[in-house]
PDB file of N, CA and C in Angstrom:
ATOM      1  N   MET A   1       7.612   1.492  -1.581  1.00  0.00           N
ATOM      2  CA  MET A   1       6.787   2.751  -0.597  1.00  0.00           C
ATOM      3  C   MET A   1       8.036   2.669   0.592  1.00  0.00           C
ATOM      4  N   PHE A   2       7.743   3.442   1.481  1.00  0.00           N
ATOM      5  CA  PHE A   2       8.469   4.199   2.682  1.00  0.00           C
ATOM      6  C   PHE A   2       7.538   4.904   3.832  1.00  0.00           C
ATOM      7  N   LEU A   3       7.425   4.596   5.168  1.00  0.00           N
ATOM      8  CA  LEU A   3       7.047   5.098   6.016  1.00  0.00           C
ATOM      9  C   LEU A   3       7.658   5.818   7.407  1.00  0.00           C
ATOM     10  N   PHE A   4       7.655   7.114   7.950  1.00  0.00           N
ATOM     11  CA  PHE A   4       8.183   7.373   8.677  1.00  0.00           C
ATOM     12  C   PHE A   4       7.006   7.255   9.864  1.00  0.00           C
ATOM     13  N   LEU A   5       7.080   6.455  10.646  1.00  0.00           N
ATOM     14  CA  LEU A   5       5.644   7.144  11.590  1.00  0.00           C
ATOM     15  C   LEU A   5       6.253   7.913  12.807  1.00  0.00           C
ATOM     16  N   GLN A   6       6.735   8.985  12.531  1.00  0.00           N
ATOM     17  CA  GLN A   6       6.292   9.959  13.824  1.00  0.00           C
ATOM     18  C   GLN A   6       4.462  10.669  14.043  1.00  0.00           C
ATOM     19  N   SER A   7       4.289  10.992  14.673  1.00  0.00           N
ATOM     20  CA  SER A   7       3.799  12.272  14.788  1.00  0.00           C
ATOM     21  C   SER A   7       3.997  13.828  14.069  1.00  0.00           C
ATOM     22  N   PRO A   8       3.613  13.933  12.710  1.00  0.00           N
ATOM     23  CA  PRO A   8       2.500  12.508  11.609  1.00  0.00           C
ATOM     24  C   PRO A   8       3.971  12.367  11.033  1.00  0.00           C
ATOM     25  N   LEU A   9       2.991  11.432  10.468  1.00  0.00           N
ATOM     26  CA  LEU A   9       4.468   9.898   9.744  1.00  0.00           C
ATOM     27  C   LEU A   9       4.164  10.877   8.673  1.00  0.00           C
ATOM     28  N   THR A  10       5.956  10.540   8.358  1.00  0.00           N
ATOM     29  CA  THR A  10       6.204  11.020   6.945  1.00  0.00           C
ATOM     30  C   THR A  10       6.369   9.512   5.504  1.00  0.00           C
ATOM     31  N   ARG A  11       5.661   9.659   3.957  1.00  0.00           N
ATOM     32  CA  ARG A  11       5.957   8.649   4.192  1.00  0.00           C
ATOM     33  C   ARG A  11       6.023   9.207   2.286  1.00  0.00           C
ATOM     34  N   SER A  12       6.659   7.901   1.952  1.00  0.00           N
ATOM     35  CA  SER A  12       7.283   7.745   0.648  1.00  0.00           C
ATOM     36  C   SER A  12       6.728   6.278   0.047  1.00  0.00           C
ATOM     37  N   HIS A  13       6.044   6.457  -1.127  1.00  0.00           N
ATOM     38  CA  HIS A  13       5.778   5.334  -1.126  1.00  0.00           C
ATOM     39  C   HIS A  13       7.227   4.449  -2.475  1.00  0.00           C
ATOM     40  N   ARG A  14       7.469   3.428  -2.790  1.00  0.00           N
ATOM     41  CA  ARG A  14       8.553   2.742  -3.418  1.00  0.00           C
ATOM     42  C   ARG A  14       8.042   2.130  -4.106  1.00  0.00           C
ATOM     43  N   THR A  15       8.055   1.112  -4.926  1.00  0.00           N
ATOM     44  CA  THR A  15       7.963   0.122  -6.109  1.00  0.00           C
ATOM     45  C   THR A  15       9.004  -0.408  -6.726  1.00  0.00           C
ATOM     46  N   VAL A  16       9.401  -1.514  -6.336  1.00  0.00           N
ATOM     47  CA  VAL A  16       9.721  -2.440  -7.237  1.00  0.00           C
ATOM     48  C   VAL A  16      10.784  -1.891  -7.996  1.00  0.00           C
ATOM     49  N   ARG A  17       9.803  -1.474  -9.148  1.00  0.00           N
ATOM     50  CA  ARG A  17       9.905  -0.940 -10.691  1.00  0.00           C
ATOM     51  C   ARG A  17      10.602   0.667 -10.662  1.00  0.00           C
ATOM     52  N   ARG A  18       9.939   1.325  -9.695  1.00  0.00           N
ATOM     53  CA  ARG A  18       9.944   2.557  -9.780  1.00  0.00           C
ATOM     54  C   ARG A  18      10.669   4.084  -9.166  1.00  0.00           C
ATOM     55  N   GLY A  19      10.662   2.574  -7.887  1.00  0.00           N
ATOM     56  CA  GLY A  19      12.115   3.739  -6.313  1.00  0.00           C
ATOM     57  C   GLY A  19      10.814   4.215  -6.745  1.00  0.00           C
ATOM     58  N   ILE A  20      11.817   5.044  -5.683  1.00  0.00           N
ATOM     59  CA  ILE A  20      11.150   6.364  -4.594  1.00  0.00           C
ATOM     60  C   ILE A  20       9.963   7.567  -5.589  1.00  0.00           C
ATOM     61  N   VAL A  21       9.052   7.624  -5.234  1.00  0.00           N
ATOM     62  CA  VAL A  21       8.235   7.986  -6.029  1.00  0.00           C
ATOM     63  C   VAL A  21       7.583   9.499  -5.185  1.00  0.00           C
ATOM     64  N   ARG A  22       7.135   9.570  -3.451  1.00  0.00           N
ATOM     65  CA  ARG A  22       7.067  10.735  -3.146  1.00  0.00           C
ATOM     66  C   ARG A  22       7.063  10.466  -2.299  1.00  0.00           C
ATOM     67  N   ARG A  23       7.875  11.674  -1.157  1.00  0.00           N
ATOM     68  CA  ARG A  23       7.240  11.139   0.440  1.00  0.00           C
ATOM     69  C   ARG A  23       6.579  12.891   1.265  1.00  0.00           C
ATOM     70  N   TYR A  24       5.768  12.258   2.317  1.00  0.00           N
ATOM     71  CA  TYR A  24       5.293  13.041   2.895  1.00  0.00           C
ATOM     72  C   TYR A  24       4.756  12.715   4.258  1.00  0.00           C
ATOM     73  N   GLU A  25       3.502  14.008   4.626  1.00  0.00           N
ATOM     74  CA  GLU A  25       3.334  13.835   5.816  1.00  0.00           C
ATOM     75  C   GLU A  25       1.851  12.708   6.018  1.00  0.00           C
ATOM     76  N   VAL A  26       1.730  11.887   6.985  1.00  0.00           N
ATOM     77  CA  VAL A  26       0.393  11.446   6.594  1.00  0.00           C
ATOM     78  C   VAL A  26      -0.098  11.150   7.793  1.00  0.00           C
ATOM     79  N   ASP A  27      -1.349  11.378   8.365  1.00  0.00           N
ATOM     80  CA  ASP A  27      -1.713  10.682   9.814  1.00  0.00           C
ATOM     81  C   ASP A  27      -1.744   8.695   9.943  1.00  0.00           C
ATOM     82  N   MET A  28      -2.003   8.677   8.602  1.00  0.00           N
ATOM     83  CA  MET A  28      -2.231   6.475   9.655  1.00  0.00           C
ATOM     84  C   MET A  28      -2.397   5.828   8.279  1.00  0.00           C
ATOM     85  N   VAL A  29      -2.069   5.040   7.886  1.00  0.00           N
ATOM     86  CA  VAL A  29      -1.832   3.810   6.447  1.00  0.00           C
ATOM     87  C   VAL A  29      -2.732   2.627   7.210  1.00  0.00           C
ATOM     88  N   ILE A  30      -3.571   2.300   6.242  1.00  0.00           N
ATOM     89  CA  ILE A  30      -4.249   0.867   6.585  1.00  0.00           C
ATOM     90  C   ILE A  30      -3.458   0.046   5.583  1.00  0.00           C
ATOM     91  N   VAL A  31      -3.344  -1.082   5.787  1.00  0.00           N
ATOM     92  CA  VAL A  31      -2.341  -1.785   4.567  1.00  0.00           C
ATOM     93  C   VAL A  31      -3.155  -3.621   4.630  1.00  0.00           C
ATOM     94  N   PRO A  32      -3.354  -3.589   3.310  1.00  0.00           N
ATOM     95  CA  PRO A  32      -4.377  -5.372   3.579  1.00  0.00           C
ATOM     96  C   PRO A  32      -3.406  -6.182   3.063  1.00  0.00           C
ATOM     97  N   ALA A  33      -2.806  -6.619   4.770  1.00  0.00           N
ATOM     98  CA  ALA A  33      -1.944  -7.862   5.132  1.00  0.00           C
ATOM     99  C   ALA A  33      -2.897  -9.053   4.617  1.00  0.00           C
ATOM    100  N   THR A  34      -1.734 -10.358   5.136  1.00  0.00           N
ATOM    101  CA  THR A  34      -2.717 -11.428   4.445  1.00  0.00           C
ATOM    102  C   THR A  34      -3.291 -12.630   6.160  1.00  0.00           C
ATOM    103  N   THR A  35      -3.269 -10.936   7.198  1.00  0.00           N
ATOM    104  CA  THR A  35      -3.471 -11.477   8.346  1.00  0.00           C
ATOM    105  C   THR A  35      -4.963 -10.737   9.104  1.00  0.00           C
ATOM    106  N   GLY A  36      -5.028  -9.786   7.610  1.00  0.00           N
ATOM    107  CA  GLY A  36      -6.374  -9.252   7.638  1.00  0.00           C
ATOM    108  C   GLY A  36      -5.298  -7.585   7.615  1.00  0.00           C
ATOM    109  N   GLN A  37      -6.923  -6.586   6.929  1.00  0.00           N
ATOM    110  CA  GLN A  37      -6.067  -5.175   7.121  1.00  0.00           C
ATOM    111  C   GLN A  37      -5.594  -5.074   8.730  1.00  0.00           C
ATOM    112  N   MET A  38      -4.250  -4.188   8.348  1.00  0.00           N
ATOM    113  CA  MET A  38      -3.300  -3.146   9.186  1.00  0.00           C
ATOM    114  C   MET A  38      -3.236  -2.197   9.810  1.00  0.00           C
ATOM    115  N   GLY A  39      -4.019  -1.213  10.614  1.00  0.00           N
ATOM    116  CA  GLY A  39      -4.092   0.059  10.681  1.00  0.00           C
ATOM    117  C   GLY A  39      -2.173   0.500  11.154  1.00  0.00           C
ATOM    118  N   VAL A  40      -1.916   1.600  11.018  1.00  0.00           N
ATOM    119  CA  VAL A  40      -0.189   2.045  10.697  1.00  0.00           C
ATOM    120  C   VAL A  40      -0.728   3.559  11.912  1.00  0.00           C
ATOM    121  N   LEU A  41      -0.026   3.643  12.781  1.00  0.00           N
ATOM    122  CA  LEU A  41      -0.049   5.037  12.738  1.00  0.00           C
ATOM    123  C   LEU A  41       1.352   5.549  13.894  1.00  0.00           C
ATOM    124  N   PRO A  42       1.163   6.269  14.034  1.00  0.00           N
ATOM    125  CA  PRO A  42       2.877   6.770  15.105  1.00  0.00           C
ATOM    126  C   PRO A  42       3.196   6.042  15.842  1.00  0.00           C
ATOM    127  N   GLY A  43       3.924   5.277  16.664  1.00  0.00           N
ATOM    128  CA  GLY A  43       4.496   4.608  17.475  1.00  0.00           C
ATOM    129  C   GLY A  43       3.924   2.940  17.491  1.00  0.00           C
ATOM    130  N   HIS A  44       3.187   2.619  16.016  1.00  0.00           N
ATOM    131  CA  HIS A  44       3.402   1.091  16.036  1.00  0.00           C
ATOM    132  C   HIS A  44       4.624   0.697  16.232  1.00  0.00           C
ATOM    133  N   VAL A  45       4.608  -0.611  17.237  1.00  0.00           N
ATOM    134  CA  VAL A  45       4.478  -1.557  17.655  1.00  0.00           C
ATOM    135  C   VAL A  45       5.896  -2.385  16.306  1.00  0.00           C
ATOM    136  N   ALA A  46       7.301  -2.554  15.874  1.00  0.00           N
ATOM    137  CA  ALA A  46       7.313  -3.697  15.463  1.00  0.00           C
ATOM    138  C   ALA A  46       7.087  -4.625  14.656  1.00  0.00           C
ATOM    139  N   THR A  47       7.343  -4.296  13.580  1.00  0.00           N
ATOM    140  CA  THR A  47       5.727  -5.796  12.392  1.00  0.00           C
ATOM    141  C   THR A  47       6.495  -5.561  11.183  1.00  0.00           C
ATOM    142  N   ILE A  48       6.850  -7.349  11.269  1.00  0.00           N
ATOM    143  CA  ILE A  48       6.542  -7.482   9.629  1.00  0.00           C
ATOM    144  C   ILE A  48       5.018  -7.867   9.314  1.00  0.00           C
ATOM    145  N   ALA A  49       5.086  -7.546   8.496  1.00  0.00           N
ATOM    146  CA  ALA A  49       3.771  -8.662   7.328  1.00  0.00           C
ATOM    147  C   ALA A  49       4.002  -8.546   5.261  1.00  0.00           C
ATOM    148  N   GLU A  50       3.403  -9.922   5.138  1.00  0.00           N
ATOM    149  CA  GLU A  50       2.668  -9.798   4.046  1.00  0.00           C
ATOM    150  C   GLU A  50       2.182  -8.896   3.473  1.00  0.00           C
ATOM    151  N   PHE A  51       1.526  -8.698   1.977  1.00  0.00           N
ATOM    152  CA  PHE A  51       0.636  -8.120   1.662  1.00  0.00           C
ATOM    153  C   PHE A  51       0.002  -9.214   0.969  1.00  0.00           C
ATOM    154  N   LYS A  52      -1.664  -8.401   0.690  1.00  0.00           N
ATOM    155  CA  LYS A  52      -2.393  -9.867  -0.149  1.00  0.00           C
ATOM    156  C   LYS A  52      -2.581  -8.456  -1.105  1.00  0.00           C
ATOM    157  N   PRO A  53      -3.217  -9.061  -2.234  1.00  0.00           N
ATOM    158  CA  PRO A  53      -3.473  -8.377  -3.201  1.00  0.00           C
ATOM    159  C   PRO A  53      -4.907  -7.053  -2.211  1.00  0.00           C
ATOM    160  N   GLY A  54      -4.844  -6.106  -2.058  1.00  0.00           N
ATOM    161  CA  GLY A  54      -5.879  -5.522  -1.580  1.00  0.00           C
ATOM    162  C   GLY A  54      -5.649  -3.830  -1.786  1.00  0.00           C
ATOM    163  N   VAL A  55      -6.212  -3.144  -1.245  1.00  0.00           N
ATOM    164  CA  VAL A  55      -6.253  -1.766  -0.947  1.00  0.00           C
ATOM    165  C   VAL A  55      -6.005  -1.214  -0.055  1.00  0.00           C
ATOM    166  N   LEU A  56      -4.806  -0.578   0.057  1.00  0.00           N
ATOM    167  CA  LEU A  56      -4.295   0.495   0.978  1.00  0.00           C
ATOM    168  C   LEU A  56      -4.347   1.690   1.009  1.00  0.00           C
ATOM    169  N   SER A  57      -4.631   2.026   2.260  1.00  0.00           N
ATOM    170  CA  SER A  57      -5.084   3.409   2.317  1.00  0.00           C
ATOM    171  C   SER A  57      -4.084   4.303   2.702  1.00  0.00           C
ATOM    172  N   VAL A  58      -4.142   5.350   1.913  1.00  0.00           N
ATOM    173  CA  VAL A  58      -3.184   6.482   3.174  1.00  0.00           C
ATOM    174  C   VAL A  58      -4.242   7.908   3.913  1.00  0.00           C
ATOM    175  N   HIS A  59      -4.282   8.195   4.516  1.00  0.00           N
ATOM    176  CA  HIS A  59      -4.906   8.747   5.503  1.00  0.00           C
ATOM    177  C   HIS A  59      -4.600  10.544   5.688  1.00  0.00           C
ATOM    178  N   GLU A  60      -4.083  11.463   5.187  1.00  0.00           N
ATOM    179  CA  GLU A  60      -3.512  12.423   5.396  1.00  0.00           C
ATOM    180  C   GLU A  60      -5.328  13.980   5.621  1.00  0.00           C
ATOM    181  N   GLY A  61      -5.011  14.556   7.212  1.00  0.00           N
ATOM    182  CA  GLY A  61      -5.878  14.728   7.663  1.00  0.00           C
ATOM    183  C   GLY A  61      -7.275  14.797   7.127  1.00  0.00           C
ATOM    184  N   SER A  62      -8.297  15.512   6.966  1.00  0.00           N
ATOM    185  CA  SER A  62      -9.460  14.362   6.390  1.00  0.00           C
ATOM    186  C   SER A  62      -9.616  14.025   4.260  1.00  0.00           C
ATOM    187  N   GLU A  63      -8.529  13.624   4.171  1.00  0.00           N
ATOM    188  CA  GLU A  63      -8.588  13.136   2.716  1.00  0.00           C
ATOM    189  C   GLU A  63      -7.947  11.297   2.976  1.00  0.00           C
ATOM    190  N   THR A  64      -8.524  10.670   2.409  1.00  0.00           N
ATOM    191  CA  THR A  64      -7.824   9.397   1.887  1.00  0.00           C
ATOM    192  C   THR A  64      -7.326   9.049   0.296  1.00  0.00           C
ATOM    193  N   THR A  65      -6.631   8.267   0.480  1.00  0.00           N
ATOM    194  CA  THR A  65      -5.841   8.187  -1.271  1.00  0.00           C
ATOM    195  C   THR A  65      -5.932   6.649  -1.113  1.00  0.00           C
ATOM    196  N   LYS A  66      -6.538   6.079  -1.883  1.00  0.00           N
ATOM    197  CA  LYS A  66      -6.936   4.969  -1.723  1.00  0.00           C
ATOM    198  C   LYS A  66      -5.992   4.623  -3.249  1.00  0.00           C
ATOM    199  N   TYR A  67      -4.744   3.170  -2.984  1.00  0.00           N
ATOM    200  CA  TYR A  67      -4.144   2.615  -4.375  1.00  0.00           C
ATOM    201  C   TYR A  67      -4.733   0.996  -4.272  1.00  0.00           C
ATOM    202  N   PHE A  68      -4.428   0.251  -4.739  1.00  0.00           N
ATOM    203  CA  PHE A  68      -4.365  -1.067  -5.459  1.00  0.00           C
ATOM    204  C   PHE A  68      -3.326  -1.574  -5.510  1.00  0.00           C
ATOM    205  N   VAL A  69      -2.353  -3.164  -4.302  1.00  0.00           N
ATOM    206  CA  VAL A  69      -1.823  -2.553  -4.088  1.00  0.00           C
ATOM    207  C   VAL A  69      -1.687  -4.576  -4.992  1.00  0.00           C
ATOM    208  N   SER A  70      -1.194  -5.828  -5.608  1.00  0.00           N
ATOM    209  CA  SER A  70      -0.850  -6.331  -5.768  1.00  0.00           C
ATOM    210  C   SER A  70       0.327  -7.410  -4.896  1.00  0.00           C
ATOM    211  N   SER A  71       1.286  -7.433  -4.226  1.00  0.00           N
ATOM    212  CA  SER A  71       1.910  -7.893  -2.897  1.00  0.00           C
ATOM    213  C   SER A  71       2.878  -6.980  -2.923  1.00  0.00           C
ATOM    214  N   GLY A  72       3.346  -7.327  -1.982  1.00  0.00           N
ATOM    215  CA  GLY A  72       4.297  -6.671  -1.067  1.00  0.00           C
ATOM    216  C   GLY A  72       4.701  -6.875   0.721  1.00  0.00           C
ATOM    217  N   PHE A  73       5.301  -6.233   1.001  1.00  0.00           N
ATOM    218  CA  PHE A  73       5.902  -6.492   2.736  1.00  0.00           C
ATOM    219  C   PHE A  73       5.894  -4.982   2.754  1.00  0.00           C
ATOM    220  N   VAL A  74       5.301  -4.845   4.262  1.00  0.00           N
ATOM    221  CA  VAL A  74       5.592  -3.790   5.300  1.00  0.00           C
ATOM    222  C   VAL A  74       6.371  -4.738   6.926  1.00  0.00           C
ATOM    223  N   PHE A  75       7.357  -3.323   6.422  1.00  0.00           N
ATOM    224  CA  PHE A  75       8.485  -3.315   7.665  1.00  0.00           C
ATOM    225  C   PHE A  75       7.796  -2.487   8.433  1.00  0.00           C
ATOM    226  N   ILE A  76       7.784  -2.251   9.556  1.00  0.00           N
ATOM    227  CA  ILE A  76       7.239  -1.666  10.579  1.00  0.00           C
ATOM    228  C   ILE A  76       8.068  -1.194  11.658  1.00  0.00           C
ATOM    229  N   HIS A  77       9.143   0.002  11.980  1.00  0.00           N
ATOM    230  CA  HIS A  77      10.400  -0.487  12.796  1.00  0.00           C
ATOM    231  C   HIS A  77       9.901   0.070  14.369  1.00  0.00           C
ATOM    232  N   ALA A  78      11.011  -0.306  15.179  1.00  0.00           N
ATOM    233  CA  ALA A  78      11.133   0.274  16.244  1.00  0.00           C
ATOM    234  C   ALA A  78      10.830   1.755  16.269  1.00  0.00           C
ATOM    235  N   ASN A  79      11.872   1.960  15.273  1.00  0.00           N
ATOM    236  CA  ASN A  79      11.309   3.542  15.582  1.00  0.00           C
ATOM    237  C   ASN A  79      10.784   4.778  15.489  1.00  0.00           C
ATOM    238  N   SER A  80       9.884   3.661  14.853  1.00  0.00           N
ATOM    239  CA  SER A  80       8.261   4.352  13.815  1.00  0.00           C
ATOM    240  C   SER A  80       9.162   4.597  12.799  1.00  0.00           C
ATOM    241  N   PHE A  81       9.291   3.815  11.922  1.00  0.00           N
ATOM    242  CA  PHE A  81      10.102   3.789  10.457  1.00  0.00           C
ATOM    243  C   PHE A  81       9.033   2.757   9.648  1.00  0.00           C
ATOM    244  N   ALA A  82       8.660   2.862   8.503  1.00  0.00           N
ATOM    245  CA  ALA A  82       7.620   2.148   7.955  1.00  0.00           C
ATOM    246  C   ALA A  82       8.661   1.680   6.835  1.00  0.00           C
ATOM    247  N   ASP A  83       8.212   0.599   6.305  1.00  0.00           N
ATOM    248  CA  ASP A  83       9.051   0.295   5.054  1.00  0.00           C
ATOM    249  C   ASP A  83       7.317  -0.130   4.332  1.00  0.00           C
ATOM    250  N   ILE A  84       7.313   0.597   3.200  1.00  0.00           N
ATOM    251  CA  ILE A  84       6.190  -0.804   2.624  1.00  0.00           C
ATOM    252  C   ILE A  84       6.745  -0.586   0.942  1.00  0.00           C
ATOM    253  N   ILE A  85       6.826  -2.530   0.715  1.00  0.00           N
ATOM    254  CA  ILE A  85       7.168  -2.435  -0.579  1.00  0.00           C
ATOM    255  C   ILE A  85       6.027  -2.950  -1.745  1.00  0.00           C
ATOM    256  N   THR A  86       6.295  -2.466  -1.884  1.00  0.00           N
ATOM    257  CA  THR A  86       5.247  -2.995  -3.260  1.00  0.00           C
ATOM    258  C   THR A  86       5.344  -3.527  -4.832  1.00  0.00           C
ATOM    259  N   VAL A  87       4.944  -4.424  -4.941  1.00  0.00           N
ATOM    260  CA  VAL A  87       5.732  -4.948  -6.602  1.00  0.00           C
ATOM    261  C   VAL A  87       4.772  -4.313  -7.851  1.00  0.00           C
ATOM    262  N   LYS A  88       3.341  -3.927  -7.285  1.00  0.00           N
ATOM    263  CA  LYS A  88       2.656  -2.750  -7.987  1.00  0.00           C
ATOM    264  C   LYS A  88       1.927  -1.961  -7.176  1.00  0.00           C
ATOM    265  N   ALA A  89       1.182  -0.997  -7.075  1.00  0.00           N
ATOM    266  CA  ALA A  89       0.623   0.243  -6.366  1.00  0.00           C
ATOM    267  C   ALA A  89       0.518   1.495  -7.250  1.00  0.00           C
ATOM    268  N   VAL A  90      -0.925   1.343  -7.809  1.00  0.00           N
ATOM    269  CA  VAL A  90      -1.881   1.821  -8.798  1.00  0.00           C
ATOM    270  C   VAL A  90      -3.135   2.417  -7.840  1.00  0.00           C
ATOM    271  N   PRO A  91      -3.143   3.941  -7.979  1.00  0.00           N
ATOM    272  CA  PRO A  91      -3.870   4.856  -7.046  1.00  0.00           C
ATOM    273  C   PRO A  91      -5.633   3.980  -7.822  1.00  0.00           C
ATOM    274  N   LEU A  92      -6.135   3.959  -7.206  1.00  0.00           N
ATOM    275  CA  LEU A  92      -8.277   3.212  -7.328  1.00  0.00           C
ATOM    276  C   LEU A  92      -8.277   4.299  -8.054  1.00  0.00           C
ATOM    277  N   ASP A  93      -8.610   6.160  -8.418  1.00  0.00           N
ATOM    278  CA  ASP A  93      -8.731   6.697  -9.028  1.00  0.00           C
ATOM    279  C   ASP A  93      -8.368   6.347 -11.201  1.00  0.00           C
ATOM    280  N   ARG A  94      -7.219   5.658 -10.806  1.00  0.00           N
ATOM    281  CA  ARG A  94      -6.672   5.511 -11.856  1.00  0.00           C
ATOM    282  C   ARG A  94      -7.353   4.468 -13.004  1.00  0.00           C
ATOM    283  N   ILE A  95      -7.818   3.234 -11.476  1.00  0.00           N
ATOM    284  CA  ILE A  95      -8.445   1.771 -12.460  1.00  0.00           C
ATOM    285  C   ILE A  95      -9.553   2.476 -13.516  1.00  0.00           C
ATOM    286  N   ASN A  96      -9.514   1.466 -14.264  1.00  0.00           N
ATOM    287  CA  ASN A  96     -10.786   1.306 -15.275  1.00  0.00           C
ATOM    288  C   ASN A  96     -11.492   0.254 -14.589  1.00  0.00           C
ATOM    289  N   ALA A  97     -11.921  -0.508 -14.175  1.00  0.00           N
ATOM    290  CA  ALA A  97     -12.941  -1.201 -14.248  1.00  0.00           C
ATOM    291  C   ALA A  97     -13.711  -1.617 -15.368  1.00  0.00           C
ATOM    292  N   ASN A  98     -14.127  -1.784 -16.210  1.00  0.00           N
ATOM    293  CA  ASN A  98     -14.554  -2.338 -17.422  1.00  0.00           C
ATOM    294  C   ASN A  98     -13.587  -3.163 -18.261  1.00  0.00           C
ATOM    295  N   LEU A  99     -12.012  -2.414 -18.207  1.00  0.00           N
ATOM    296  CA  LEU A  99     -11.321  -3.093 -18.779  1.00  0.00           C
ATOM    297  C   LEU A  99     -10.455  -4.210 -17.457  1.00  0.00           C
ATOM    298  N   VAL A 100     -10.393  -3.903 -16.693  1.00  0.00           N
ATOM    299  CA  VAL A 100     -10.014  -5.329 -16.216  1.00  0.00           C
ATOM    300  C   VAL A 100     -10.695  -6.130 -16.028  1.00  0.00           C
ATOM    301  N   GLN A 101     -11.847  -6.043 -16.260  1.00  0.00           N
ATOM    302  CA  GLN A 101     -13.301  -7.165 -16.055  1.00  0.00           C
ATOM    303  C   GLN A 101     -12.991  -7.469 -17.357  1.00  0.00           C
ATOM    304  N   LYS A 102     -12.122  -6.388 -18.534  1.00  0.00           N
ATOM    305  CA  LYS A 102     -12.182  -7.600 -19.975  1.00  0.00           C
ATOM    306  C   LYS A 102     -10.853  -8.242 -19.775  1.00  0.00           C
ATOM    307  N   ARG A 103      -9.709  -7.666 -19.645  1.00  0.00           N
ATOM    308  CA  ARG A 103      -8.511  -8.594 -19.399  1.00  0.00           C
ATOM    309  C   ARG A 103      -8.975  -9.491 -18.483  1.00  0.00           C
ATOM    310  N   LEU A 104      -9.062  -9.930 -16.748  1.00  0.00           N
ATOM    311  CA  LEU A 104      -9.936 -10.981 -16.649  1.00  0.00           C
ATOM    312  C   LEU A 104     -10.636 -11.866 -17.454  1.00  0.00           C
ATOM    313  N   VAL A 105     -11.120 -11.395 -17.628  1.00  0.00           N
ATOM    314  CA  VAL A 105     -12.015 -12.890 -19.284  1.00  0.00           C
ATOM    315  C   VAL A 105     -11.442 -12.923 -20.264  1.00  0.00           C
ATOM    316  N   ASP A 106     -10.623 -12.286 -20.871  1.00  0.00           N
ATOM    317  CA  ASP A 106      -9.143 -13.050 -21.490  1.00  0.00           C
ATOM    318  C   ASP A 106      -8.442 -14.083 -20.761  1.00  0.00           C
ATOM    319  N   PHE A 107      -7.893 -13.396 -19.610  1.00  0.00           N
ATOM    320  CA  PHE A 107      -7.084 -14.759 -19.269  1.00  0.00           C
ATOM    321  C   PHE A 107      -7.508 -15.445 -18.530  1.00  0.00           C
ATOM    322  N   THR A 108      -8.093 -15.444 -17.464  1.00  0.00           N
ATOM    323  CA  THR A 108      -8.989 -17.148 -17.538  1.00  0.00           C
ATOM    324  C   THR A 108      -9.335 -17.783 -18.909  1.00  0.00           C
ATOM    325  N   GLN A 109      -9.919 -17.291 -20.237  1.00  0.00           N
ATOM    326  CA  GLN A 109     -10.254 -18.283 -21.288  1.00  0.00           C
ATOM    327  C   GLN A 109      -8.753 -18.675 -21.886  1.00  0.00           C
ATOM    328  N   LYS A 110      -7.185 -17.850 -22.338  1.00  0.00           N
ATOM    329  CA  LYS A 110      -6.775 -18.311 -21.704  1.00  0.00           C
ATOM    330  C   LYS A 110      -5.501 -19.440 -21.565  1.00  0.00           C
ATOM    331  N   LEU A 111      -6.308 -19.152 -19.803  1.00  0.00           N
ATOM    332  CA  LEU A 111      -6.272 -20.409 -19.105  1.00  0.00           C
ATOM    333  C   LEU A 111      -6.738 -21.889 -18.932  1.00  0.00           C
ATOM    334  N   SER A 112      -7.834 -21.594 -19.673  1.00  0.00           N
ATOM    335  CA  SER A 112      -8.566 -23.000 -20.143  1.00  0.00           C
ATOM    336  C   SER A 112      -8.411 -23.564 -21.655  1.00  0.00           C
TER     337      SER A 112
END
């Protein structure tokens, strides 16, 4: 996932396996950094942060799209461009909670 943080933000997703998925303008992104949730707005200070598993929120006007991210990094550059690189990014509305719970039980049993 890549973000270009000017007013408004231009963003495109990039995952390790699929490459660039989409690029579009957004107002803000909230990322699940290992140091806590971090809001990214136009003009953000240059920063590097590691993701922990969690929810990445993309704000476009009055709409918010949320993704589960397993891990990755955000590189926010001084020129207001941000690279967001994730191993996995899945829209929350595509996650089947029952299937996740079942697989968690299966994997936990296999580890025992």
